[in-house]
Protein backbone atom coordinates (compact mmCIF):
# COMPACT_ATOMS: atom_id res chain seq x y z
CA MET A 1 0.00 0.00 0.00
CA THR A 2 1.38 3.41 -1.00
CA VAL A 3 0.55 6.09 1.54
CA PRO A 4 -0.47 9.45 0.01
CA THR A 5 2.05 12.24 0.48
CA VAL A 6 1.70 15.95 1.16
CA LYS A 7 4.08 18.50 -0.38
CA LEU A 8 5.74 20.71 2.23
CA ASN A 9 6.85 24.30 1.63
CA SER A 10 10.42 22.98 1.79
CA GLY A 11 9.78 21.03 -1.41
CA TYR A 12 9.89 17.63 0.31
CA ASP A 13 7.02 15.15 0.45
CA ILE A 14 5.76 13.81 3.76
CA PRO A 15 3.69 10.60 4.06
CA GLN A 16 0.25 11.63 5.26
CA LEU A 17 -0.07 8.67 7.63
CA GLY A 18 2.68 7.95 10.11
CA PHE A 19 3.37 6.12 13.35
CA GLY A 20 3.66 8.03 16.63
CA VAL A 21 5.60 6.83 19.65
CA PHE A 22 4.40 9.28 22.31
CA LEU A 23 4.28 7.48 25.69
CA VAL A 24 5.77 4.32 24.19
CA PRO A 25 8.25 3.12 26.86
CA ALA A 26 11.88 3.08 25.81
CA ASP A 27 12.10 -0.70 26.15
CA GLU A 28 9.05 -1.20 23.91
CA ALA A 29 9.84 1.37 21.22
CA GLU A 30 12.08 -0.84 19.10
CA LYS A 31 9.48 -3.60 18.92
CA ALA A 32 6.60 -1.20 18.21
CA VAL A 33 8.48 0.64 15.45
CA THR A 34 9.64 -2.67 13.94
CA GLU A 35 6.04 -3.85 13.78
CA ALA A 36 4.93 -0.53 12.30
CA LEU A 37 7.58 -0.72 9.58
CA GLU A 38 6.54 -4.32 8.84
CA ALA A 39 2.93 -3.15 8.54
CA GLY A 40 3.96 -0.62 5.90
CA TYR A 41 4.50 2.63 7.80
CA ARG A 42 7.44 4.71 6.56
CA HIS A 43 6.85 7.86 8.62
CA ILE A 44 7.88 7.74 12.30
CA ASP A 45 7.30 10.61 14.74
CA THR A 46 9.32 10.76 17.95
CA ALA A 47 10.78 13.46 20.25
CA ALA A 48 13.67 13.94 22.64
CA ILE A 49 11.30 14.16 25.60
CA TYR A 50 9.75 10.80 24.73
CA ARG A 51 13.08 9.24 25.72
CA ASN A 52 12.70 6.51 23.13
CA GLU A 53 14.83 7.80 20.24
CA GLU A 54 17.33 4.97 20.82
CA GLY A 55 14.60 2.36 20.32
CA VAL A 56 13.35 4.09 17.20
CA GLY A 57 16.90 4.24 15.84
CA ALA A 58 17.53 0.56 16.59
CA ALA A 59 14.38 -0.43 14.73
CA ILE A 60 15.33 1.69 11.73
CA ALA A 61 18.86 0.29 11.66
CA LYS A 62 17.64 -3.32 11.77
CA SER A 63 14.84 -2.83 9.26
CA GLY A 64 17.00 -2.88 6.16
CA ILE A 65 14.76 -0.20 4.65
CA ALA A 66 16.62 2.37 2.57
CA ARG A 67 16.99 5.71 4.32
CA ASP A 68 15.39 7.62 1.46
CA GLU A 69 12.23 5.53 1.88
CA LEU A 70 11.77 6.71 5.46
CA PHE A 71 10.52 9.98 6.93
CA ILE A 72 11.73 10.54 10.49
CA THR A 73 10.63 13.39 12.77
CA THR A 74 11.98 14.37 16.17
CA LYS A 75 11.53 17.45 18.35
CA LEU A 76 13.46 19.97 20.42
CA TRP A 77 12.38 20.01 24.06
CA ASN A 78 11.46 23.23 25.84
CA ASP A 79 14.47 23.51 28.15
CA ARG A 80 16.87 23.57 25.18
CA GLN A 81 15.49 26.51 23.24
CA ALA A 82 17.95 29.16 24.49
CA GLY A 83 21.32 30.13 23.06
CA GLU A 84 23.05 27.44 21.02
CA GLU A 85 21.35 24.56 22.83
CA PRO A 86 19.25 23.52 19.80
CA HIS A 87 22.44 22.66 17.90
CA ALA A 88 23.61 20.36 20.69
CA ALA A 89 20.12 18.87 21.04
CA ILE A 90 19.75 17.88 17.38
CA ARG A 91 23.16 16.19 17.37
CA GLU A 92 22.22 14.19 20.46
CA SER A 93 18.97 13.14 18.82
CA LEU A 94 20.76 12.13 15.63
CA ASP A 95 23.24 10.04 17.64
CA LYS A 96 20.39 8.23 19.40
CA LEU A 97 18.50 7.71 16.14
CA GLN A 98 21.70 6.53 14.39
CA LEU A 99 20.99 8.97 11.56
CA ASP A 100 22.90 11.67 9.70
CA TYR A 101 19.79 13.81 9.35
CA VAL A 102 16.10 13.82 10.19
CA ASP A 103 13.42 14.64 7.67
CA LEU A 104 11.62 17.02 10.02
CA TYR A 105 12.72 18.79 13.20
CA LEU A 106 10.17 20.60 15.34
CA THR A 107 10.21 22.93 18.32
CA HIS A 108 7.96 21.08 20.75
CA TRP A 109 6.12 23.95 22.53
CA PRO A 110 6.37 27.73 22.37
CA VAL A 111 6.47 28.12 26.21
CA PRO A 112 6.12 31.90 25.77
CA ASP A 113 6.94 32.61 29.43
CA LYS A 114 10.52 31.53 28.69
CA GLY A 115 10.83 34.00 25.83
CA THR A 116 13.03 31.62 23.83
CA TYR A 117 10.77 30.19 21.13
CA SER A 118 11.87 32.71 18.50
CA ASN A 119 15.54 31.96 19.20
CA ALA A 120 14.73 28.26 18.90
CA TRP A 121 13.16 28.85 15.51
CA GLN A 122 16.22 30.79 14.31
CA LYS A 123 18.43 27.90 15.38
CA LEU A 124 16.21 25.41 13.57
CA ILE A 125 16.72 27.43 10.41
CA GLU A 126 20.48 27.07 10.94
CA ILE A 127 20.05 23.35 11.58
CA ARG A 128 18.14 23.00 8.31
CA ASP A 129 20.78 25.00 6.45
CA ALA A 130 23.47 22.73 7.90
CA GLY A 131 21.71 19.71 6.40
CA LEU A 132 20.81 18.12 9.73
CA SER A 133 17.07 18.32 9.00
CA ARG A 134 15.52 18.54 5.58
CA SER A 135 12.44 20.39 6.79
CA ILE A 136 11.63 22.31 9.96
CA GLY A 137 8.43 23.13 11.75
CA VAL A 138 6.77 23.78 15.07
CA SER A 139 4.42 22.07 17.44
CA ASN A 140 1.59 23.54 19.51
CA HIS A 141 2.13 27.08 18.21
CA LEU A 142 -0.82 29.46 18.17
CA PRO A 143 -1.22 32.23 15.56
CA GLU A 144 0.42 34.79 17.86
CA HIS A 145 3.54 32.62 18.16
CA LEU A 146 3.57 31.86 14.45
CA ASP A 147 3.27 35.54 13.56
CA GLN A 148 6.21 36.35 15.85
CA ILE A 149 8.63 33.77 14.46
CA VAL A 150 7.80 34.69 10.87
CA LYS A 151 8.25 38.38 11.71
CA ASP A 152 11.61 37.67 13.33
CA THR A 153 13.02 35.34 10.67
CA GLY A 154 10.95 35.56 7.50
CA VAL A 155 10.73 31.74 7.48
CA VAL A 156 7.34 30.02 7.59
CA PRO A 157 7.21 26.60 9.32
CA ALA A 158 6.66 23.62 7.06
CA VAL A 159 4.26 22.09 9.58
CA ASN A 160 2.51 22.88 12.85
CA GLN A 161 1.81 19.75 14.87
CA ILE A 162 -1.17 20.41 17.13
CA GLU A 163 -3.73 18.58 19.24
CA LEU A 164 -6.45 17.86 16.73
CA HIS A 165 -9.38 15.44 16.89
CA PRO A 166 -13.11 15.77 16.21
CA ALA A 167 -13.86 17.49 19.54
CA TYR A 168 -10.97 19.96 19.26
CA GLN A 169 -10.21 21.24 15.77
CA GLN A 170 -8.52 24.62 16.47
CA GLN A 171 -10.01 26.42 13.48
CA ASN A 172 -7.99 29.59 14.10
CA VAL A 173 -4.76 27.61 13.81
CA LEU A 174 -6.03 25.83 10.70
CA ASP A 175 -6.90 29.19 9.12
CA TRP A 176 -3.40 30.56 9.77
CA ALA A 177 -1.83 27.44 8.27
CA ALA A 178 -4.01 27.60 5.15
CA GLU A 179 -3.13 31.27 4.62
CA HIS A 180 0.62 30.74 5.02
CA GLY A 181 1.15 27.34 3.37
CA THR A 182 1.92 25.47 6.58
CA LYS A 183 0.67 21.88 6.79
CA ILE A 184 -1.15 20.61 9.85
CA GLU A 185 -0.17 17.46 11.73
CA SER A 186 -2.66 15.97 14.20
CA TRP A 187 -1.44 14.71 17.55
CA GLY A 188 -3.87 12.85 19.77
CA PRO A 189 -5.93 12.20 16.61
CA LEU A 190 -8.25 9.77 18.39
CA GLY A 191 -8.67 11.93 21.49
CA GLN A 192 -6.25 9.75 23.51
CA GLY A 193 -9.22 7.75 24.79
CA LYS A 194 -10.17 10.65 27.07
CA TYR A 195 -13.73 11.01 25.80
CA PRO A 196 -16.20 8.56 24.20
CA LEU A 197 -15.33 9.46 20.59
CA PHE A 198 -15.89 5.94 19.32
CA GLU A 199 -19.43 5.88 20.71
CA ASN A 200 -20.48 9.08 18.98
CA PRO A 201 -23.35 8.41 16.55
CA ALA A 202 -21.65 10.26 13.67
CA VAL A 203 -18.47 8.21 14.07
CA VAL A 204 -20.33 4.93 14.58
CA ALA A 205 -22.51 5.54 11.52
CA ALA A 206 -19.52 6.32 9.32
CA ALA A 207 -17.67 3.24 10.52
CA GLU A 208 -20.63 0.92 10.02
CA ALA A 209 -21.35 2.30 6.56
CA HIS A 210 -17.91 1.21 5.39
CA GLY A 211 -17.40 -1.94 7.46
CA LYS A 212 -14.61 -0.31 9.46
CA SER A 213 -13.86 0.39 13.11
CA PRO A 214 -14.64 3.80 14.64
CA ALA A 215 -10.89 4.44 14.92
CA GLN A 216 -10.43 3.77 11.21
CA ALA A 217 -13.30 6.13 10.40
CA VAL A 218 -11.70 8.93 12.43
CA ILE A 219 -8.26 8.36 10.90
CA ARG A 220 -9.92 8.52 7.49
CA TRP A 221 -11.57 11.82 8.51
CA HIS A 222 -8.13 13.28 9.29
CA LEU A 223 -6.76 12.13 5.95
CA GLN A 224 -9.67 13.54 3.96
CA ARG A 225 -9.36 16.86 5.78
CA GLY A 226 -5.78 17.00 4.50
CA PHE A 227 -4.13 16.56 7.90
CA ILE A 228 -0.98 14.54 8.47
CA VAL A 229 -1.82 12.00 11.14
CA PHE A 230 0.03 9.41 13.23
CA PRO A 231 -2.02 7.26 15.59
CA LYS A 232 -0.08 5.45 18.32
CA SER A 233 -0.36 1.89 19.55
CA VAL A 234 1.96 -0.82 20.84
CA LYS A 235 -0.36 -3.65 19.80
CA ARG A 236 0.42 -5.20 16.42
CA GLU A 237 -3.23 -5.77 15.57
CA ARG A 238 -4.08 -2.12 16.24
CA ILE A 239 -0.95 -0.90 14.44
CA GLU A 240 -2.03 -2.83 11.34
CA GLN A 241 -5.68 -1.80 11.66
CA ASN A 242 -4.76 1.90 11.87
CA PHE A 243 -2.85 1.51 8.60
CA ASP A 244 -5.77 -0.19 6.83
CA VAL A 245 -7.58 3.02 5.89
CA PHE A 246 -6.96 3.40 2.17
CA ASP A 247 -9.63 1.11 0.73
CA PHE A 248 -12.61 3.32 1.57
CA GLU A 249 -13.61 6.97 1.55
CA LEU A 250 -16.03 8.85 3.76
CA THR A 251 -18.80 10.72 1.99
CA ALA A 252 -18.96 14.50 2.18
CA GLU A 253 -21.92 14.12 4.52
CA GLU A 254 -19.98 11.78 6.83
CA VAL A 255 -17.03 14.18 6.95
CA ALA A 256 -19.37 17.08 7.72
CA ALA A 257 -21.07 15.13 10.52
CA ILE A 258 -17.69 14.50 12.18
CA ASP A 259 -16.66 18.11 11.57
CA ALA A 260 -19.74 19.16 13.55
CA LEU A 261 -18.52 17.35 16.70
CA ASP A 262 -16.31 20.30 17.67
CA PRO A 263 -18.09 22.43 20.33
CA GLN A 264 -15.86 25.32 19.12
CA ASP A 265 -15.41 26.69 22.64
CA GLY A 266 -12.17 24.85 23.40
CA SER A 267 -13.83 22.51 25.87
CA GLY A 268 -12.87 19.43 23.86
CA ARG A 269 -9.14 19.81 24.52
CA VAL A 270 -7.62 16.77 26.26
CA GLY A 271 -3.96 17.83 26.38
CA SER A 272 -1.99 20.82 27.64
CA HIS A 273 -2.73 24.32 26.39
CA PRO A 274 0.25 26.13 24.80
CA LEU A 275 -0.21 29.11 27.12
CA GLU A 276 -0.31 26.94 30.23
CA LEU A 277 2.74 24.72 29.70
CA LYS A 278 5.80 26.06 31.52
């Protein structure tokens, strides 16, 4: 199965469906990534703070898959945004991943109280120019943070990875991305199991109409909305099921019904808010 790709403003293509390893324990990461690669995934999303880059790197090294067939993302943690720290951080991540470069490097949170997110973005530009990451982007940035880094550097992020699921769609962030050519990546795409998404009538109806699971219907919704999405699981059956989403298509009415699940008041958020994380 060939996963559709999205063209980034850097000129590189990113597979629209990937495999996330958030909260995957370090001693389980190698096995989970190996199973994901065997299932057909070629896009892996990790981060320094996940503390499992070594496991991801081991799985990549043992896979035998050519480097140019893989798309690997990692992220700069918040306490390394100041000064020249991002340069040291990316080299540590590359050592753990056993790679010469990553395909995408992200700043993890803006943490505006620290006042360092714009410096971090400038250093990511330098990291890209040094060939250590082919594309660069941000995570959890709101329009005010995005406006600031573009004002300071003139460089628009290739992606913004944000909490995004049917109950929390962040339309203001989506609007900024559409206007500036930044692609959206969805983290927590299934709501992290923190609300009964899979019991919602709109999701259940879409899944039953196509003989799929509610999770598959929601992943398909992300794909058809144009988002880049990477569901997480450590169970082989679920890993494979989450990948099996390319033999059906939701109708416009089904997509609209899932779109309508967002209360639009921010109450559907299940993760941290960018202005609250310190």
